[in-house]
Amino acid sequence: MGDVSIRDELDEARRRRRRAGDPRITPEDREIVLRITQGDLKQESQAALDAVSESDPLLSGTGDPDDS
């Protein structure tokens, strides 16, 4: 087998983590995410996202991405 670079090792480790599921998210975190996206916090979360989108021209689609 040929030489393996550090980059190749990191890429392979990332692939293994992705296949196994991200270990940084705990079951408690997963429950919160589900509540935000699908449960009782869904409307509150959507309202917050809508407010951010309306206040940011790029997110609302009314801004020019070339303007800085």
N, C-alpha and C. Protein backbone atom coordinates (compact mmCIF):
# COMPACT_ATOMS: atom_id res chain seq x y z
N MET A 1 0.84 -1.17 0.00
CA MET A 1 0.00 0.00 0.00
C MET A 1 0.89 1.23 0.00
N GLY A 2 0.47 2.29 -0.69
CA GLY A 2 1.26 3.50 -0.82
C GLY A 2 1.22 4.36 0.43
N ASP A 3 1.97 5.45 0.36
CA ASP A 3 1.99 6.39 1.47
C ASP A 3 0.63 7.06 1.63
N VAL A 4 0.24 7.23 2.89
CA VAL A 4 -1.03 7.87 3.21
C VAL A 4 -0.71 9.21 3.85
N SER A 5 -1.27 10.26 3.29
CA SER A 5 -1.01 11.59 3.83
C SER A 5 -1.90 11.87 5.03
N ILE A 6 -1.55 12.88 5.77
CA ILE A 6 -2.37 13.31 6.90
C ILE A 6 -3.76 13.69 6.40
N ARG A 7 -3.81 14.35 5.27
CA ARG A 7 -5.11 14.75 4.68
C ARG A 7 -5.98 13.53 4.40
N ASP A 8 -5.38 12.48 3.83
CA ASP A 8 -6.13 11.25 3.56
C ASP A 8 -6.65 10.62 4.85
N GLU A 9 -5.82 10.64 5.89
CA GLU A 9 -6.25 10.09 7.18
C GLU A 9 -7.41 10.89 7.76
N LEU A 10 -7.34 12.22 7.68
CA LEU A 10 -8.42 13.07 8.18
C LEU A 10 -9.70 12.87 7.38
N ASP A 11 -9.57 12.76 6.07
CA ASP A 11 -10.75 12.52 5.23
C ASP A 11 -11.41 11.19 5.57
N GLU A 12 -10.60 10.17 5.78
CA GLU A 12 -11.15 8.86 6.12
C GLU A 12 -11.82 8.90 7.50
N ALA A 13 -11.22 9.58 8.45
CA ALA A 13 -11.83 9.71 9.78
C ALA A 13 -13.17 10.45 9.68
N ARG A 14 -13.23 11.48 8.85
CA ARG A 14 -14.47 12.23 8.65
C ARG A 14 -15.54 11.33 8.03
N ARG A 15 -15.16 10.52 7.06
CA ARG A 15 -16.11 9.60 6.43
C ARG A 15 -16.64 8.59 7.44
N ARG A 16 -15.75 8.07 8.29
CA ARG A 16 -16.19 7.11 9.31
C ARG A 16 -17.17 7.75 10.28
N ARG A 17 -16.89 9.00 10.70
CA ARG A 17 -17.80 9.69 11.61
C ARG A 17 -19.14 9.94 10.96
N ARG A 18 -19.12 10.31 9.68
CA ARG A 18 -20.36 10.59 8.96
C ARG A 18 -21.20 9.32 8.83
N ARG A 19 -20.56 8.21 8.54
CA ARG A 19 -21.28 6.94 8.42
C ARG A 19 -21.83 6.48 9.76
N ALA A 20 -21.12 6.75 10.84
CA ALA A 20 -21.52 6.30 12.17
C ALA A 20 -22.49 7.27 12.83
N GLY A 21 -22.68 8.43 12.25
CA GLY A 21 -23.48 9.46 12.91
C GLY A 21 -22.55 10.34 13.70
N ASP A 22 -22.88 11.60 13.79
CA ASP A 22 -22.02 12.56 14.47
C ASP A 22 -22.06 12.31 15.98
N PRO A 23 -20.94 11.90 16.57
CA PRO A 23 -20.94 11.59 18.00
C PRO A 23 -21.07 12.83 18.88
N ARG A 24 -20.96 14.02 18.29
CA ARG A 24 -21.04 15.23 19.10
C ARG A 24 -22.47 15.56 19.49
N ILE A 25 -23.45 14.96 18.85
CA ILE A 25 -24.83 15.23 19.20
C ILE A 25 -25.32 14.12 20.13
N THR A 26 -25.76 14.52 21.31
CA THR A 26 -26.22 13.57 22.31
C THR A 26 -27.70 13.27 22.08
N PRO A 27 -28.20 12.24 22.71
CA PRO A 27 -29.65 11.96 22.60
C PRO A 27 -30.50 13.15 23.07
N GLU A 28 -30.03 13.84 24.11
CA GLU A 28 -30.77 15.02 24.59
C GLU A 28 -30.77 16.12 23.54
N ASP A 29 -29.60 16.32 22.89
CA ASP A 29 -29.51 17.33 21.81
C ASP A 29 -30.43 16.96 20.66
N ARG A 30 -30.46 15.69 20.32
CA ARG A 30 -31.31 15.22 19.23
C ARG A 30 -32.79 15.49 19.54
N GLU A 31 -33.18 15.30 20.80
CA GLU A 31 -34.55 15.57 21.20
C GLU A 31 -34.89 17.05 21.04
N ILE A 32 -33.96 17.91 21.40
CA ILE A 32 -34.18 19.36 21.25
C ILE A 32 -34.30 19.73 19.78
N VAL A 33 -33.42 19.19 18.96
CA VAL A 33 -33.47 19.48 17.52
C VAL A 33 -34.81 19.03 16.93
N LEU A 34 -35.27 17.87 17.33
CA LEU A 34 -36.57 17.39 16.83
C LEU A 34 -37.71 18.29 17.30
N ARG A 35 -37.64 18.78 18.53
CA ARG A 35 -38.68 19.69 19.02
C ARG A 35 -38.67 20.99 18.23
N ILE A 36 -37.49 21.46 17.89
CA ILE A 36 -37.37 22.72 17.14
C ILE A 36 -37.87 22.56 15.71
N THR A 37 -37.56 21.44 15.09
CA THR A 37 -37.89 21.27 13.68
C THR A 37 -39.24 20.63 13.43
N GLN A 38 -39.74 19.82 14.39
CA GLN A 38 -40.97 19.08 14.12
C GLN A 38 -41.98 19.15 15.26
N GLY A 39 -41.57 19.60 16.43
CA GLY A 39 -42.45 19.52 17.59
C GLY A 39 -43.02 20.84 18.04
N ASP A 40 -43.13 20.97 19.36
CA ASP A 40 -43.81 22.11 19.96
C ASP A 40 -43.06 23.43 19.81
N LEU A 41 -41.81 23.41 19.43
CA LEU A 41 -41.05 24.65 19.23
C LEU A 41 -40.97 25.05 17.75
N LYS A 42 -41.64 24.30 16.91
CA LYS A 42 -41.55 24.53 15.46
C LYS A 42 -42.01 25.94 15.06
N GLN A 43 -43.16 26.38 15.56
CA GLN A 43 -43.68 27.69 15.16
C GLN A 43 -42.79 28.82 15.67
N GLU A 44 -42.31 28.70 16.90
CA GLU A 44 -41.41 29.72 17.46
C GLU A 44 -40.11 29.78 16.66
N SER A 45 -39.58 28.62 16.32
CA SER A 45 -38.34 28.55 15.54
C SER A 45 -38.54 29.15 14.15
N GLN A 46 -39.66 28.82 13.51
CA GLN A 46 -39.94 29.36 12.18
C GLN A 46 -40.09 30.87 12.21
N ALA A 47 -40.74 31.39 13.25
CA ALA A 47 -40.92 32.83 13.38
C ALA A 47 -39.56 33.52 13.52
N ALA A 48 -38.65 32.93 14.28
CA ALA A 48 -37.31 33.50 14.43
C ALA A 48 -36.56 33.48 13.10
N LEU A 49 -36.67 32.37 12.37
CA LEU A 49 -36.00 32.29 11.06
C LEU A 49 -36.58 33.32 10.08
N ASP A 50 -37.91 33.48 10.12
CA ASP A 50 -38.54 34.46 9.23
C ASP A 50 -38.08 35.88 9.56
N ALA A 51 -37.95 36.18 10.85
CA ALA A 51 -37.50 37.52 11.26
C ALA A 51 -36.08 37.79 10.78
N VAL A 52 -35.22 36.80 10.90
CA VAL A 52 -33.84 36.96 10.43
C VAL A 52 -33.83 37.14 8.92
N SER A 53 -34.60 36.34 8.22
CA SER A 53 -34.65 36.44 6.75
C SER A 53 -35.14 37.80 6.29
N GLU A 54 -36.15 38.33 6.97
CA GLU A 54 -36.68 39.64 6.59
C GLU A 54 -35.70 40.77 6.88
N SER A 55 -34.88 40.61 7.91
CA SER A 55 -33.95 41.67 8.28
C SER A 55 -32.66 41.63 7.46
N ASP A 56 -32.38 40.53 6.80
CA ASP A 56 -31.15 40.40 6.01
C ASP A 56 -31.52 40.35 4.54
N PRO A 57 -31.11 41.39 3.77
CA PRO A 57 -31.48 41.45 2.35
C PRO A 57 -31.02 40.24 1.54
N LEU A 58 -29.87 39.67 1.87
CA LEU A 58 -29.39 38.52 1.11
C LEU A 58 -30.24 37.28 1.38
N LEU A 59 -30.64 37.10 2.63
CA LEU A 59 -31.47 35.94 2.97
C LEU A 59 -32.88 36.09 2.42
N SER A 60 -33.38 37.32 2.35
CA SER A 60 -34.75 37.53 1.86
C SER A 60 -34.84 37.51 0.34
N GLY A 61 -33.68 37.54 -0.30
CA GLY A 61 -33.66 37.50 -1.77
C GLY A 61 -33.81 38.87 -2.42
N THR A 62 -33.78 39.93 -1.61
CA THR A 62 -33.92 41.27 -2.15
C THR A 62 -32.59 42.00 -2.29
N GLY A 63 -31.53 41.42 -1.79
CA GLY A 63 -30.23 42.07 -1.83
C GLY A 63 -29.39 41.59 -3.00
N ASP A 64 -28.36 42.37 -3.27
CA ASP A 64 -27.42 42.02 -4.32
C ASP A 64 -26.17 41.41 -3.69
N PRO A 65 -25.86 40.15 -3.96
CA PRO A 65 -24.71 39.51 -3.33
C PRO A 65 -23.38 40.18 -3.66
N ASP A 66 -23.33 40.97 -4.72
CA ASP A 66 -22.10 41.65 -5.09
C ASP A 66 -21.86 42.91 -4.26
N ASP A 67 -22.91 43.42 -3.59
CA ASP A 67 -22.75 44.59 -2.73
C ASP A 67 -22.13 44.17 -1.41
N SER A 68 -21.15 44.91 -0.98
CA SER A 68 -20.50 44.57 0.30
C SER A 68 -20.77 45.65 1.30
